[in-house]
Amino acid sequence: RISRCREYGGILFQGGRVRRAGIKEMTARIKRFFIESRQELRHVNWPTRREAVRLTLIVIGMSVVLAAFLGGLDLLFSSIIKNVIVL
């Protein structure tokens, strides 16, 4: 039995001794992770379908505006560079 150990990945540290966690311990930790993750997801305040669609459209719209802005800057700077090179 291990008392007062700290877990880091698959390695257990106890008073200067190091040992690899066994298959049963790793399986138990993985199972505990999924159980706790499922419990945590039950606490999430999920958006309604309407909110999700609205926010998705906002993100798509902002992406298009930003793409147009960056495309305009690229066009502007590329034309400036072409004119400088020609001179």
N, C-alpha and C. Protein backbone atom coordinates (compact mmCIF):
# COMPACT_ATOMS: atom_id res chain seq x y z
N ARG A 1 0.84 -1.18 0.00
CA ARG A 1 0.00 0.00 0.00
C ARG A 1 0.88 1.24 0.00
N ILE A 2 0.50 2.20 -0.83
CA ILE A 2 1.27 3.44 -0.93
C ILE A 2 0.54 4.52 -0.16
N SER A 3 1.26 5.17 0.72
CA SER A 3 0.64 6.26 1.48
C SER A 3 1.32 7.56 1.12
N ARG A 4 0.53 8.62 1.10
CA ARG A 4 1.03 9.97 0.84
C ARG A 4 1.88 10.03 -0.43
N CYS A 5 1.35 9.52 -1.52
CA CYS A 5 2.09 9.56 -2.78
C CYS A 5 1.56 10.67 -3.67
N ARG A 6 2.38 11.13 -4.56
CA ARG A 6 1.98 12.12 -5.54
C ARG A 6 2.03 11.44 -6.91
N GLU A 7 1.02 11.69 -7.73
CA GLU A 7 0.95 11.06 -9.04
C GLU A 7 1.35 12.06 -10.12
N TYR A 8 2.21 11.65 -11.01
CA TYR A 8 2.61 12.43 -12.17
C TYR A 8 2.60 11.49 -13.37
N GLY A 9 1.56 11.59 -14.20
CA GLY A 9 1.46 10.69 -15.34
C GLY A 9 1.30 9.27 -14.87
N GLY A 10 2.16 8.38 -15.32
CA GLY A 10 2.09 6.99 -14.92
C GLY A 10 3.10 6.64 -13.85
N ILE A 11 3.74 7.64 -13.24
CA ILE A 11 4.79 7.38 -12.24
C ILE A 11 4.31 7.83 -10.88
N LEU A 12 4.53 6.99 -9.87
CA LEU A 12 4.16 7.34 -8.51
C LEU A 12 5.43 7.64 -7.72
N PHE A 13 5.45 8.76 -7.02
CA PHE A 13 6.59 9.16 -6.21
C PHE A 13 6.22 9.00 -4.74
N GLN A 14 7.08 8.33 -3.98
CA GLN A 14 6.83 8.18 -2.56
C GLN A 14 8.16 8.22 -1.82
N GLY A 15 8.36 9.28 -1.10
CA GLY A 15 9.55 9.39 -0.26
C GLY A 15 10.85 9.08 -0.98
N GLY A 16 11.04 9.58 -2.18
CA GLY A 16 12.28 9.36 -2.90
C GLY A 16 12.27 8.11 -3.76
N ARG A 17 11.32 7.20 -3.56
CA ARG A 17 11.25 6.00 -4.39
C ARG A 17 10.36 6.28 -5.60
N VAL A 18 10.72 5.71 -6.71
CA VAL A 18 9.95 5.89 -7.93
C VAL A 18 9.54 4.53 -8.45
N ARG A 19 8.25 4.41 -8.84
CA ARG A 19 7.82 3.16 -9.47
C ARG A 19 6.77 3.48 -10.51
N ARG A 20 6.68 2.64 -11.53
CA ARG A 20 5.68 2.82 -12.58
C ARG A 20 4.34 2.33 -12.05
N ALA A 21 3.27 3.03 -12.43
CA ALA A 21 1.93 2.60 -12.05
C ALA A 21 1.57 1.34 -12.83
N GLY A 22 0.91 0.42 -12.18
CA GLY A 22 0.52 -0.82 -12.83
C GLY A 22 -0.66 -0.62 -13.77
N ILE A 23 -0.95 -1.66 -14.54
CA ILE A 23 -2.05 -1.61 -15.50
C ILE A 23 -3.37 -1.33 -14.79
N LYS A 24 -3.62 -1.98 -13.65
CA LYS A 24 -4.87 -1.78 -12.92
C LYS A 24 -5.01 -0.33 -12.46
N GLU A 25 -3.91 0.24 -11.99
CA GLU A 25 -3.94 1.62 -11.53
C GLU A 25 -4.20 2.58 -12.70
N MET A 26 -3.55 2.34 -13.83
CA MET A 26 -3.74 3.19 -15.00
C MET A 26 -5.18 3.08 -15.50
N THR A 27 -5.71 1.86 -15.54
CA THR A 27 -7.09 1.65 -15.98
C THR A 27 -8.06 2.35 -15.04
N ALA A 28 -7.81 2.27 -13.75
CA ALA A 28 -8.68 2.93 -12.77
C ALA A 28 -8.63 4.44 -12.94
N ARG A 29 -7.45 5.00 -13.20
CA ARG A 29 -7.33 6.44 -13.40
C ARG A 29 -8.03 6.90 -14.67
N ILE A 30 -7.92 6.11 -15.73
CA ILE A 30 -8.59 6.46 -16.98
C ILE A 30 -10.10 6.42 -16.78
N LYS A 31 -10.58 5.38 -16.10
CA LYS A 31 -12.01 5.26 -15.83
C LYS A 31 -12.50 6.43 -14.99
N ARG A 32 -11.72 6.79 -13.96
CA ARG A 32 -12.08 7.92 -13.09
C ARG A 32 -12.12 9.23 -13.89
N PHE A 33 -11.18 9.38 -14.83
CA PHE A 33 -11.16 10.58 -15.67
C PHE A 33 -12.44 10.72 -16.46
N PHE A 34 -12.89 9.63 -17.10
CA PHE A 34 -14.11 9.70 -17.91
C PHE A 34 -15.34 9.91 -17.05
N ILE A 35 -15.38 9.30 -15.88
CA ILE A 35 -16.52 9.50 -14.98
C ILE A 35 -16.60 10.95 -14.53
N GLU A 36 -15.46 11.52 -14.13
CA GLU A 36 -15.43 12.91 -13.68
C GLU A 36 -15.72 13.87 -14.83
N SER A 37 -15.25 13.54 -16.04
CA SER A 37 -15.52 14.39 -17.19
C SER A 37 -17.01 14.41 -17.49
N ARG A 38 -17.65 13.26 -17.42
CA ARG A 38 -19.09 13.18 -17.68
C ARG A 38 -19.86 13.99 -16.62
N GLN A 39 -19.45 13.87 -15.37
CA GLN A 39 -20.10 14.64 -14.31
C GLN A 39 -19.93 16.14 -14.54
N GLU A 40 -18.76 16.54 -14.99
CA GLU A 40 -18.50 17.96 -15.21
C GLU A 40 -19.34 18.48 -16.38
N LEU A 41 -19.52 17.67 -17.42
CA LEU A 41 -20.31 18.10 -18.57
C LEU A 41 -21.77 18.30 -18.20
N ARG A 42 -22.25 17.65 -17.15
CA ARG A 42 -23.62 17.85 -16.71
C ARG A 42 -23.81 19.24 -16.10
N HIS A 43 -22.74 19.86 -15.64
CA HIS A 43 -22.81 21.19 -15.03
C HIS A 43 -22.70 22.33 -16.04
N VAL A 44 -22.40 21.98 -17.30
CA VAL A 44 -22.21 23.00 -18.32
C VAL A 44 -23.55 23.63 -18.69
N ASN A 45 -23.55 24.94 -18.84
CA ASN A 45 -24.74 25.66 -19.26
C ASN A 45 -24.71 25.75 -20.79
N TRP A 46 -25.34 24.77 -21.46
CA TRP A 46 -25.31 24.68 -22.91
C TRP A 46 -26.20 25.75 -23.53
N PRO A 47 -25.77 26.36 -24.65
CA PRO A 47 -26.60 27.37 -25.30
C PRO A 47 -27.79 26.71 -26.01
N THR A 48 -28.83 27.49 -26.21
CA THR A 48 -29.96 26.99 -26.97
C THR A 48 -29.56 26.93 -28.45
N ARG A 49 -30.39 26.27 -29.24
CA ARG A 49 -30.09 26.17 -30.67
C ARG A 49 -30.06 27.56 -31.31
N ARG A 50 -31.00 28.40 -30.91
CA ARG A 50 -31.06 29.76 -31.46
C ARG A 50 -29.79 30.54 -31.13
N GLU A 51 -29.33 30.46 -29.88
CA GLU A 51 -28.10 31.16 -29.49
C GLU A 51 -26.90 30.62 -30.26
N ALA A 52 -26.82 29.31 -30.42
CA ALA A 52 -25.70 28.70 -31.14
C ALA A 52 -25.66 29.16 -32.59
N VAL A 53 -26.82 29.20 -33.24
CA VAL A 53 -26.89 29.64 -34.63
C VAL A 53 -26.50 31.12 -34.73
N ARG A 54 -27.02 31.95 -33.84
CA ARG A 54 -26.70 33.38 -33.85
C ARG A 54 -25.20 33.62 -33.67
N LEU A 55 -24.62 32.95 -32.68
CA LEU A 55 -23.19 33.14 -32.42
C LEU A 55 -22.33 32.60 -33.56
N THR A 56 -22.78 31.50 -34.17
CA THR A 56 -22.05 30.95 -35.32
C THR A 56 -22.06 31.93 -36.48
N LEU A 57 -23.21 32.54 -36.73
CA LEU A 57 -23.31 33.53 -37.81
C LEU A 57 -22.45 34.75 -37.53
N ILE A 58 -22.36 35.15 -36.28
CA ILE A 58 -21.50 36.27 -35.91
C ILE A 58 -20.04 35.94 -36.20
N VAL A 59 -19.62 34.74 -35.83
CA VAL A 59 -18.23 34.32 -36.06
C VAL A 59 -17.94 34.26 -37.56
N ILE A 60 -18.86 33.70 -38.35
CA ILE A 60 -18.66 33.62 -39.80
C ILE A 60 -18.60 35.03 -40.39
N GLY A 61 -19.51 35.91 -39.96
CA GLY A 61 -19.51 37.29 -40.46
C GLY A 61 -18.21 38.02 -40.13
N MET A 62 -17.76 37.89 -38.90
CA MET A 62 -16.51 38.55 -38.50
C MET A 62 -15.32 37.99 -39.26
N SER A 63 -15.35 36.69 -39.55
CA SER A 63 -14.27 36.07 -40.32
C SER A 63 -14.23 36.62 -41.74
N VAL A 64 -15.40 36.81 -42.35
CA VAL A 64 -15.46 37.36 -43.71
C VAL A 64 -14.96 38.81 -43.70
N VAL A 65 -15.38 39.60 -42.72
CA VAL A 65 -14.94 41.00 -42.64
C VAL A 65 -13.42 41.07 -42.45
N LEU A 66 -12.90 40.26 -41.56
CA LEU A 66 -11.45 40.26 -41.32
C LEU A 66 -10.69 39.79 -42.56
N ALA A 67 -11.20 38.77 -43.25
CA ALA A 67 -10.55 38.29 -44.47
C ALA A 67 -10.54 39.39 -45.53
N ALA A 68 -11.65 40.12 -45.68
CA ALA A 68 -11.71 41.21 -46.65
C ALA A 68 -10.73 42.32 -46.28
N PHE A 69 -10.65 42.65 -45.00
CA PHE A 69 -9.72 43.69 -44.54
C PHE A 69 -8.27 43.29 -44.82
N LEU A 70 -7.92 42.06 -44.44
CA LEU A 70 -6.54 41.60 -44.66
C LEU A 70 -6.24 41.47 -46.15
N GLY A 71 -7.23 41.04 -46.95
CA GLY A 71 -7.05 40.97 -48.40
C GLY A 71 -6.81 42.35 -48.99
N GLY A 72 -7.56 43.35 -48.50
CA GLY A 72 -7.36 44.73 -48.95
C GLY A 72 -5.97 45.24 -48.60
N LEU A 73 -5.53 44.97 -47.37
CA LEU A 73 -4.17 45.38 -46.98
C LEU A 73 -3.12 44.70 -47.84
N ASP A 74 -3.32 43.42 -48.13
CA ASP A 74 -2.38 42.68 -48.97
C ASP A 74 -2.32 43.29 -50.36
N LEU A 75 -3.48 43.60 -50.93
CA LEU A 75 -3.54 44.22 -52.26
C LEU A 75 -2.84 45.57 -52.25
N LEU A 76 -3.11 46.36 -51.21
CA LEU A 76 -2.50 47.69 -51.11
C LEU A 76 -0.97 47.59 -51.03
N PHE A 77 -0.48 46.77 -50.11
CA PHE A 77 0.97 46.67 -49.93
C PHE A 77 1.66 46.02 -51.12
N SER A 78 1.00 45.05 -51.76
CA SER A 78 1.63 44.43 -52.92
C SER A 78 1.73 45.43 -54.08
N SER A 79 0.72 46.29 -54.25
CA SER A 79 0.80 47.30 -55.32
C SER A 79 1.88 48.33 -54.99
N ILE A 80 2.00 48.70 -53.73
CA ILE A 80 3.07 49.64 -53.33
C ILE A 80 4.43 49.03 -53.60
N ILE A 81 4.62 47.77 -53.24
CA ILE A 81 5.92 47.11 -53.46
C ILE A 81 6.22 47.01 -54.95
N LYS A 82 5.22 46.68 -55.78
CA LYS A 82 5.43 46.59 -57.23
C LYS A 82 5.85 47.93 -57.80
N ASN A 83 5.23 49.02 -57.33
CA ASN A 83 5.59 50.35 -57.80
C ASN A 83 6.99 50.75 -57.36
N VAL A 84 7.39 50.36 -56.17
CA VAL A 84 8.73 50.68 -55.68
C VAL A 84 9.78 49.91 -56.48
N ILE A 85 9.49 48.66 -56.79
CA ILE A 85 10.45 47.83 -57.53
C ILE A 85 10.62 48.36 -58.97
N VAL A 86 9.53 48.79 -59.59
CA VAL A 86 9.58 49.31 -60.97
C VAL A 86 10.41 50.57 -61.03
N LEU A 87 10.30 51.43 -60.01
CA LEU A 87 11.07 52.68 -60.01
C LEU A 87 12.51 52.35 -59.79
